[in-house]
């Protein structure tokens, strides 16, 4: 393997206020285990990520420090750069961070190392309305999609697409935290769609200038239906440096959520579609794509695109420890990447979400003449098994997450009890 120079520090950036984002912890561990001085912008000094022994320094930010329109972003990163004291590799872990990094690339270029590309490319992938045009240009199929401009058009979309259908916010990073709106929701009636559209007008600024509601035909889930692609593409010639295709075996929320359990498995059709999409826009860096196989015609349709590492990116870890984040670091610091080595069968589990997903699946399966499903039972796996939170060399984030998770669950239970008890 080519020698690894860890002399350049790294900043893992997350603007999304999600204390249970295990992808951020994965990036900190991946870089820190390689001997890199890792900094992280996080939502709070109490975030479980802060407990990691692989984190050199956390930089908590107060709510409102970075506006949804990007105000305060460069000021924050320049201030953190002063504290780091040297140019650093920048690794955005959410869509807003990736979009703003590209937008303000010229102001950050002398402080940070990141892929240089057309400033509009990350936004064209993250914006679910703009993604439809990108897919058409790349020849990558999507589920039938409607972007309603009025409540009447939303109701008409229900008739055209059928129910259940998937409701998404085109630009979820613009959703106010107090709105309670989820980025993706499975809805089962025209009334639910009308209510969601009304809430969007009230909280999300309406379709034209705000988050924007998007409706997609629901593709029925089935075994072997949900797939994803993670890849790091070289900043120079665009070749694939690391990554692969994986199968989603559990998700949370069920049928329309993040990967709770995934398995590395080759799928040439998914990989080819990902390559076409990347080539169509000239994307460079790390990308995360979600696909679902349409049972009607067997095509793999793109559900989502994220111009940054996905939360489960550690699934795609080569035997030498290289993943998409380490590959990005090597590429940006001018180091030769090691040869790619796939590990089919390797499994990744996000413990907290996998438990919820397995419990939901077991509850749904119980009934007359029915038995609970297999849940998250582990099968023999010579290619490796990795958990999102627990690590023998770094146990404190798992303990902090568990405490926070249980406390949040207890608080939700108390609130619900108060609504039903006199």
Protein backbone atom coordinates (compact mmCIF):
# COMPACT_ATOMS: atom_id res chain seq x y z
CA UNK A 1 0.00 0.00 0.00
CA UNK A 2 1.30 3.54 -0.74
CA UNK A 3 2.63 5.33 2.36
CA UNK A 4 0.14 7.52 4.25
CA UNK A 5 1.07 11.08 5.26
CA UNK A 6 -1.21 12.33 8.05
CA UNK A 7 0.43 15.72 8.41
CA UNK A 8 -2.53 17.83 7.22
CA UNK A 9 -5.33 18.36 9.78
CA UNK A 10 -8.98 17.74 8.87
CA UNK A 11 -12.25 19.46 9.73
CA UNK A 12 -15.43 17.36 9.79
CA UNK A 13 -18.29 19.81 9.25
CA UNK A 14 -21.92 19.25 10.21
CA UNK A 15 -24.46 22.09 10.27
CA UNK A 16 -27.51 19.83 10.64
CA UNK A 17 -28.55 19.75 14.30
CA UNK A 18 -28.69 15.99 14.70
CA UNK A 19 -26.83 14.63 17.75
CA UNK A 20 -27.40 11.05 16.56
CA UNK A 21 -25.68 11.42 13.18
CA UNK A 22 -23.40 8.40 13.23
CA UNK A 23 -21.76 9.35 9.94
CA UNK A 24 -19.99 12.24 11.66
CA UNK A 25 -18.59 9.88 14.26
CA UNK A 26 -17.51 7.51 11.47
CA UNK A 27 -15.55 10.27 9.75
CA UNK A 28 -13.86 11.32 12.99
CA UNK A 29 -12.84 7.72 13.75
CA UNK A 30 -11.69 6.97 10.21
CA UNK A 31 -9.39 9.99 10.04
CA UNK A 32 -8.30 9.87 13.67
CA UNK A 33 -7.27 6.21 13.49
CA UNK A 34 -4.99 7.15 10.59
CA UNK A 35 -3.13 9.58 12.87
CA UNK A 36 -4.72 12.75 11.48
CA UNK A 37 -5.48 15.70 13.75
CA UNK A 38 -9.28 15.82 13.49
CA UNK A 39 -11.50 18.79 14.31
CA UNK A 40 -15.29 18.77 14.12
CA UNK A 41 -17.98 21.42 13.92
CA UNK A 42 -20.90 20.00 15.91
CA UNK A 43 -24.22 21.26 17.25
CA UNK A 44 -23.35 21.02 20.94
CA UNK A 45 -20.56 20.32 23.39
CA UNK A 46 -22.73 17.44 24.66
CA UNK A 47 -22.85 15.67 21.28
CA UNK A 48 -21.74 12.00 21.54
CA UNK A 49 -19.13 12.72 18.84
CA UNK A 50 -17.30 15.01 21.25
CA UNK A 51 -16.57 11.97 23.45
CA UNK A 52 -14.49 10.24 20.79
CA UNK A 53 -10.84 9.68 21.66
CA UNK A 54 -10.03 10.21 17.98
CA UNK A 55 -11.28 13.82 18.00
CA UNK A 56 -8.60 16.43 18.61
CA UNK A 57 -11.00 19.32 19.21
CA UNK A 58 -14.72 20.01 18.90
CA UNK A 59 -16.05 23.38 17.72
CA UNK A 60 -19.68 23.65 18.95
CA UNK A 61 -21.89 26.23 17.23
CA UNK A 62 -24.99 27.87 18.65
CA UNK A 63 -28.33 27.66 16.81
CA UNK A 64 -28.59 30.39 14.19
CA UNK A 65 -24.83 30.80 13.75
CA UNK A 66 -25.24 29.81 10.09
CA UNK A 67 -28.45 30.97 8.44
CA UNK A 68 -30.40 28.81 6.04
CA UNK A 69 -29.35 31.27 3.31
CA UNK A 70 -25.66 30.77 4.16
CA UNK A 71 -25.10 33.90 6.22
CA UNK A 72 -22.39 33.38 8.80
CA UNK A 73 -20.93 30.33 7.05
CA UNK A 74 -17.60 31.75 5.90
CA UNK A 75 -17.19 33.63 9.17
CA UNK A 76 -17.60 30.37 11.08
CA UNK A 77 -15.13 28.45 8.93
CA UNK A 78 -12.54 31.21 8.97
CA UNK A 79 -12.82 31.43 12.75
CA UNK A 80 -12.33 27.67 13.09
CA UNK A 81 -9.41 27.83 10.67
CA UNK A 82 -7.71 30.37 12.93
CA UNK A 83 -8.08 27.92 15.81
CA UNK A 84 -6.72 25.00 13.77
CA UNK A 85 -3.74 27.12 12.75
CA UNK A 86 -3.05 25.47 9.38
CA UNK A 87 -4.85 24.64 6.12
CA UNK A 88 -7.11 21.63 6.66
CA UNK A 89 -8.99 19.06 4.59
CA UNK A 90 -12.69 19.98 4.76
CA UNK A 91 -15.25 17.14 4.92
CA UNK A 92 -18.88 18.38 4.90
CA UNK A 93 -21.24 15.76 6.35
CA UNK A 94 -24.58 17.31 5.34
CA UNK A 95 -26.04 18.80 2.17
CA UNK A 96 -26.06 22.41 3.36
CA UNK A 97 -22.37 22.25 4.27
CA UNK A 98 -21.51 20.79 0.87
CA UNK A 99 -23.58 23.39 -0.98
CA UNK A 100 -22.12 26.34 0.94
CA UNK A 101 -18.56 25.03 0.59
CA UNK A 102 -18.96 25.04 -3.20
CA UNK A 103 -20.71 28.42 -3.18
CA UNK A 104 -17.99 30.14 -1.15
CA UNK A 105 -15.04 28.17 -2.52
CA UNK A 106 -13.05 31.25 -3.48
CA UNK A 107 -13.22 32.70 0.05
CA UNK A 108 -12.19 29.40 1.65
CA UNK A 109 -9.57 28.20 -0.83
CA UNK A 110 -6.52 29.44 1.09
CA UNK A 111 -7.72 27.89 4.36
CA UNK A 112 -9.17 24.52 3.34
CA UNK A 113 -8.64 21.68 0.89
CA UNK A 114 -11.81 20.46 -0.86
CA UNK A 115 -12.83 19.42 -4.40
CA UNK A 116 -13.07 22.38 -6.76
CA UNK A 117 -15.98 22.16 -9.20
CA UNK A 118 -18.82 24.20 -10.62
CA UNK A 119 -20.40 25.91 -7.59
CA UNK A 120 -23.88 24.83 -8.64
CA UNK A 121 -23.16 21.09 -8.91
CA UNK A 122 -23.70 20.05 -5.26
CA UNK A 123 -26.97 22.00 -5.14
CA UNK A 124 -28.23 20.43 -8.37
CA UNK A 125 -27.84 17.00 -6.75
CA UNK A 126 -29.13 17.82 -3.27
CA UNK A 127 -32.16 19.80 -4.53
CA UNK A 128 -34.66 17.05 -5.29
CA UNK A 129 -36.52 19.21 -7.81
CA UNK A 130 -33.35 20.03 -9.74
CA UNK A 131 -32.25 16.39 -9.55
CA UNK A 132 -35.02 15.37 -11.95
CA UNK A 133 -33.41 17.40 -14.75
CA UNK A 134 -29.99 15.95 -13.94
CA UNK A 135 -31.39 12.41 -14.11
CA UNK A 136 -33.02 13.08 -17.46
CA UNK A 137 -29.74 14.38 -18.85
CA UNK A 138 -27.82 11.40 -17.48
CA UNK A 139 -30.34 8.78 -18.57
CA UNK A 140 -30.93 7.66 -14.97
CA UNK A 141 -34.58 6.76 -14.25
CA UNK A 142 -36.51 8.17 -11.30
CA UNK A 143 -39.97 7.33 -9.96
CA UNK A 144 -42.74 9.44 -11.58
CA UNK A 145 -42.51 12.81 -9.83
CA UNK A 146 -44.69 15.90 -9.45
CA UNK A 147 -43.66 19.26 -7.97
CA UNK A 148 -47.01 20.91 -7.16
CA UNK A 149 -47.25 24.70 -7.27
CA UNK A 150 -50.62 24.81 -5.46
CA UNK A 151 -52.83 22.76 -3.18
CA UNK A 152 -54.99 21.90 -6.20
CA UNK A 153 -51.98 20.53 -8.08
CA UNK A 154 -51.01 18.52 -5.00
CA UNK A 155 -54.47 16.95 -4.91
CA UNK A 156 -54.28 16.21 -8.64
CA UNK A 157 -50.90 14.55 -8.11
CA UNK A 158 -52.48 12.15 -5.63
CA UNK A 159 -54.94 11.04 -8.27
CA UNK A 160 -52.17 10.65 -10.86
CA UNK A 161 -49.58 8.90 -8.67
CA UNK A 162 -51.88 6.91 -6.40
CA UNK A 163 -51.45 6.21 -2.70
CA UNK A 164 -49.41 5.61 -0.75
CA UNK A 165 -46.94 8.07 -2.19
CA UNK A 166 -43.69 9.60 -1.03
CA UNK A 167 -43.65 13.27 -0.05
CA UNK A 168 -40.26 14.97 0.07
CA UNK A 169 -39.05 18.49 0.66
CA UNK A 170 -36.94 19.54 -2.32
CA UNK A 171 -34.52 21.52 -0.16
CA UNK A 172 -34.86 20.01 3.33
CA UNK A 173 -32.01 22.09 4.74
CA UNK A 174 -34.37 25.09 4.50
CA UNK A 175 -36.94 23.55 6.86
CA UNK A 176 -37.16 25.48 10.15
CA UNK A 177 -36.26 23.21 13.09
CA UNK A 178 -39.49 24.16 14.89
CA UNK A 179 -41.67 23.01 11.98
CA UNK A 180 -41.49 19.33 12.92
CA UNK A 181 -41.44 18.41 9.22
CA UNK A 182 -39.48 15.34 8.14
CA UNK A 183 -37.43 15.47 4.95
CA UNK A 184 -39.24 12.36 3.60
CA UNK A 185 -42.69 11.04 4.55
CA UNK A 186 -44.83 8.17 3.31
CA UNK A 187 -48.41 9.48 3.04
CA UNK A 188 -51.54 7.44 2.49
CA UNK A 189 -54.32 9.84 1.55
CA UNK A 190 -55.16 13.00 -0.36
CA UNK A 191 -56.07 14.69 2.94
CA UNK A 192 -52.58 14.00 4.31
CA UNK A 193 -51.00 15.50 1.19
CA UNK A 194 -53.15 18.63 1.44
CA UNK A 195 -52.23 19.02 5.10
CA UNK A 196 -48.54 18.59 4.32
CA UNK A 197 -48.72 21.16 1.53
CA UNK A 198 -50.44 23.63 3.87
CA UNK A 199 -47.78 23.11 6.51
CA UNK A 200 -45.15 23.68 3.85
CA UNK A 201 -46.67 27.02 2.94
CA UNK A 202 -46.80 27.96 6.60
CA UNK A 203 -43.35 26.76 7.70
CA UNK A 204 -41.24 26.12 4.61
CA UNK A 205 -41.80 29.25 2.57
CA UNK A 206 -43.98 27.68 -0.11
CA UNK A 207 -42.71 25.94 -3.21
CA UNK A 208 -41.00 28.76 -5.17
CA UNK A 209 -38.51 30.17 -2.66
CA UNK A 210 -38.55 27.74 0.23
CA UNK A 211 -38.14 24.04 0.84
CA UNK A 212 -40.68 23.06 -1.83
CA UNK A 213 -42.88 19.94 -1.67
CA UNK A 214 -42.20 17.12 -4.11
CA UNK A 215 -44.41 14.05 -4.60
CA UNK A 216 -43.21 10.73 -6.00
CA UNK A 217 -44.93 7.49 -6.86
CA UNK A 218 -44.23 4.92 -4.17
CA UNK A 219 -42.33 1.91 -5.46
CA UNK A 220 -43.38 -1.10 -3.38
CA UNK A 221 -40.60 -2.48 -1.25
CA UNK A 222 -39.50 -6.05 -1.68
CA UNK A 223 -36.52 -8.25 -0.82
CA UNK A 224 -33.46 -7.05 -2.71
CA UNK A 225 -35.18 -3.80 -3.74
CA UNK A 226 -33.29 -1.05 -1.87
CA UNK A 227 -29.73 -0.26 -2.94
CA UNK A 228 -27.23 2.52 -2.41
CA UNK A 229 -23.94 3.67 -3.88
CA UNK A 230 -21.08 5.43 -2.12
CA UNK A 231 -18.08 6.66 -4.05
CA UNK A 232 -15.15 9.05 -3.92
CA UNK A 233 -14.26 10.48 -7.34
CA UNK A 234 -10.82 11.96 -7.93
CA UNK A 235 -10.64 15.74 -8.15
CA UNK A 236 -8.44 15.50 -11.25
CA UNK A 237 -9.63 12.87 -13.72
CA UNK A 238 -12.84 11.81 -11.96
CA UNK A 239 -11.90 8.16 -11.57
CA UNK A 240 -13.47 6.16 -8.76
CA UNK A 241 -11.01 5.95 -5.86
CA UNK A 242 -13.09 4.09 -3.26
CA UNK A 243 -16.63 2.90 -2.60
CA UNK A 244 -19.13 0.45 -3.95
CA UNK A 245 -22.77 -0.65 -4.03
CA UNK A 246 -24.74 -1.92 -1.06
CA UNK A 247 -28.11 -3.39 -0.23
CA UNK A 248 -30.35 -1.83 2.41
CA UNK A 249 -31.75 -4.59 4.62
CA UNK A 250 -33.33 -2.46 7.38
CA UNK A 251 -34.31 1.22 7.33
CA UNK A 252 -35.73 3.75 9.75
CA UNK A 253 -38.42 4.93 9.36
CA UNK A 254 -39.43 1.66 7.65
CA UNK A 255 -39.65 1.82 3.83
CA UNK A 256 -38.68 5.50 3.59
CA UNK A 257 -35.71 6.17 5.85
CA UNK A 258 -31.99 5.91 6.45
CA UNK A 259 -30.02 2.67 6.38
CA UNK A 260 -30.27 0.87 9.71
CA UNK A 261 -28.58 -2.26 8.38
CA UNK A 262 -26.73 -2.51 5.07
CA UNK A 263 -24.61 -5.07 3.25
CA UNK A 264 -21.84 -4.49 0.71
CA UNK A 265 -22.90 -6.31 -2.43
CA UNK A 266 -21.86 -5.78 -6.08
CA UNK A 267 -24.53 -4.47 -8.45
CA UNK A 268 -23.15 -3.44 -11.83
CA UNK A 269 -26.39 -1.80 -12.96
CA UNK A 270 -26.50 0.47 -9.91
CA UNK A 271 -22.79 1.28 -10.26
CA UNK A 272 -23.23 2.14 -13.95
CA UNK A 273 -26.17 4.45 -13.20
CA UNK A 274 -24.11 6.21 -10.53
CA UNK A 275 -21.24 6.67 -12.96
CA UNK A 276 -23.56 8.19 -15.58
CA UNK A 277 -24.95 10.65 -13.06
CA UNK A 278 -21.50 11.73 -11.86
CA UNK A 279 -20.23 12.13 -15.42
CA UNK A 280 -23.29 14.16 -16.45
CA UNK A 281 -22.59 16.90 -13.89
CA UNK A 282 -18.82 16.52 -13.54
CA UNK A 283 -19.06 15.86 -9.82
CA UNK A 284 -15.87 15.44 -7.79
CA UNK A 285 -15.46 14.19 -4.23
CA UNK A 286 -17.70 11.90 -2.16
CA UNK A 287 -21.28 11.14 -3.18
CA UNK A 288 -24.11 9.04 -1.69
CA UNK A 289 -26.96 7.76 -3.89
CA UNK A 290 -30.11 5.76 -3.04
CA UNK A 291 -31.87 3.50 -5.55
CA UNK A 292 -34.95 1.26 -5.51
CA UNK A 293 -35.69 -1.47 -8.01
CA UNK A 294 -39.06 -1.04 -9.72
CA UNK A 295 -40.77 -4.45 -9.69
CA UNK A 296 -42.88 -3.43 -12.70
CA UNK A 297 -39.98 -3.23 -15.17
CA UNK A 298 -36.87 -4.20 -13.19
CA UNK A 299 -35.21 -0.79 -13.51
CA UNK A 300 -33.21 0.77 -10.68
CA UNK A 301 -34.68 4.23 -10.03
CA UNK A 302 -32.78 6.96 -8.23
CA UNK A 303 -34.55 8.12 -5.07
CA UNK A 304 -32.01 10.51 -3.59
CA UNK A 305 -28.58 12.05 -4.18
CA UNK A 306 -26.34 13.58 -1.54
CA UNK A 307 -23.10 15.42 -2.44
CA UNK A 308 -21.25 14.21 0.66
CA UNK A 309 -20.58 10.99 2.62
CA UNK A 310 -23.65 9.00 3.60
CA UNK A 311 -24.08 8.05 7.25
CA UNK A 312 -23.22 4.40 6.52
CA UNK A 313 -20.10 5.12 4.44
CA UNK A 314 -17.94 2.98 6.76
CA UNK A 315 -19.58 -0.09 5.23
CA UNK A 316 -17.27 0.40 2.24
CA UNK A 317 -13.97 -0.06 4.08
CA UNK A 318 -11.16 -1.91 2.32
CA UNK A 319 -9.02 -4.43 4.24
CA UNK A 320 -6.34 -1.74 4.65
CA UNK A 321 -8.84 0.67 6.28
CA UNK A 322 -9.44 2.88 3.24
CA UNK A 323 -12.98 4.27 2.91
CA UNK A 324 -14.37 7.18 0.89
CA UNK A 325 -13.35 9.75 3.52
CA UNK A 326 -9.76 8.53 3.73
CA UNK A 327 -9.63 8.34 -0.07
CA UNK A 328 -10.78 11.97 -0.25
CA UNK A 329 -8.07 12.96 2.23
CA UNK A 330 -5.39 11.22 0.18
CA UNK A 331 -6.63 12.79 -3.05
CA UNK A 332 -6.77 16.34 -1.65
CA UNK A 333 -3.32 16.07 -0.08
CA UNK A 334 -1.72 14.76 -3.29
CA UNK A 335 -1.15 11.20 -2.13
CA UNK A 336 -1.48 8.13 -4.29
CA UNK A 337 -4.61 6.12 -3.38
CA UNK A 338 -4.27 2.38 -2.74
CA UNK A 339 -5.83 -0.07 -5.22
CA UNK A 340 -9.55 -0.68 -4.65
CA UNK A 341 -10.47 -3.98 -2.99
CA UNK A 342 -14.13 -4.96 -2.65
CA UNK A 343 -15.41 -6.90 0.35
CA UNK A 344 -18.80 -8.38 -0.66
CA UNK A 345 -20.88 -9.45 2.33
CA UNK A 346 -19.50 -6.88 4.78
CA UNK A 347 -22.30 -5.59 7.08
CA UNK A 348 -22.92 -2.22 8.72
CA UNK A 349 -25.47 -1.71 11.52
CA UNK A 350 -26.64 1.53 13.16
CA UNK A 351 -27.59 0.03 16.51
CA UNK A 352 -30.25 2.52 17.64
CA UNK A 353 -32.11 2.67 14.32
CA UNK A 354 -31.75 -1.06 13.65
CA UNK A 355 -33.46 -1.87 16.94
CA UNK A 356 -36.36 0.44 16.11
CA UNK A 357 -36.65 -0.96 12.59
CA UNK A 358 -36.51 -4.58 13.74
CA UNK A 359 -39.13 -3.89 16.42
CA UNK A 360 -41.42 -2.26 13.86
CA UNK A 361 -40.97 -5.18 11.46
CA UNK A 362 -41.72 -7.70 14.21
CA UNK A 363 -44.84 -5.80 15.29
CA UNK A 364 -46.11 -5.58 11.70
CA UNK A 365 -45.50 -9.29 11.16
CA UNK A 366 -47.43 -10.42 14.22
CA UNK A 367 -51.00 -11.44 13.51
CA UNK A 368 -53.24 -14.45 12.92
CA UNK A 369 -51.10 -17.23 11.51
CA UNK A 370 -48.04 -14.97 11.22
CA UNK A 371 -44.69 -14.88 12.97
CA UNK A 372 -42.23 -12.09 13.62
CA UNK A 373 -39.50 -11.58 11.04
CA UNK A 374 -35.82 -12.30 11.60
CA UNK A 375 -35.03 -8.81 12.94
CA UNK A 376 -31.32 -8.01 13.10
CA UNK A 377 -30.03 -11.53 13.70
CA UNK A 378 -26.38 -11.67 12.75
CA UNK A 379 -25.27 -14.29 10.24
CA UNK A 380 -21.71 -15.54 9.75
CA UNK A 381 -19.86 -12.93 7.75
CA UNK A 382 -16.20 -13.42 6.80
CA UNK A 383 -16.05 -10.01 5.12
CA UNK A 384 -16.52 -8.06 8.35
CA UNK A 385 -19.16 -6.51 10.56
CA UNK A 386 -19.13 -2.89 11.78
CA UNK A 387 -21.41 -1.01 14.13
CA UNK A 388 -22.06 2.71 13.83
CA UNK A 389 -21.63 3.58 17.51
CA UNK A 390 -19.86 0.87 19.45
CA UNK A 391 -16.12 0.42 18.95
CA UNK A 392 -13.75 -1.39 21.27
CA UNK A 393 -11.08 1.29 20.89
CA UNK A 394 -13.57 4.15 21.35
CA UNK A 395 -16.52 3.17 23.63
CA UNK A 396 -17.50 6.54 25.10
CA UNK A 397 -19.56 7.83 22.12
CA UNK A 398 -21.71 4.68 22.32
CA UNK A 399 -22.33 5.22 26.02
CA UNK A 400 -23.16 8.89 25.49
CA UNK A 401 -25.50 8.08 22.60
CA UNK A 402 -27.28 5.38 24.61
CA UNK A 403 -27.88 7.73 27.53
CA UNK A 404 -29.16 10.53 25.30
CA UNK A 405 -31.29 8.15 23.24
CA UNK A 406 -32.97 6.65 26.32
CA UNK A 407 -33.52 10.09 27.84
CA UNK A 408 -35.13 11.34 24.65
CA UNK A 409 -37.35 8.26 24.44
CA UNK A 410 -38.43 8.71 28.05
CA UNK A 411 -39.25 12.38 27.45
CA UNK A 412 -41.35 11.48 24.40
CA UNK A 413 -43.19 8.82 26.39
CA UNK A 414 -44.02 11.31 29.14
CA UNK A 415 -45.31 13.86 26.63
CA UNK A 416 -47.53 11.27 24.96
CA UNK A 417 -48.85 10.06 28.31
CA UNK A 418 -49.84 13.60 29.23
CA UNK A 419 -51.94 13.88 26.09
CA UNK A 420 -54.05 10.81 26.94
CA UNK A 421 -54.16 10.84 30.74
CA UNK A 422 -56.49 13.27 32.54
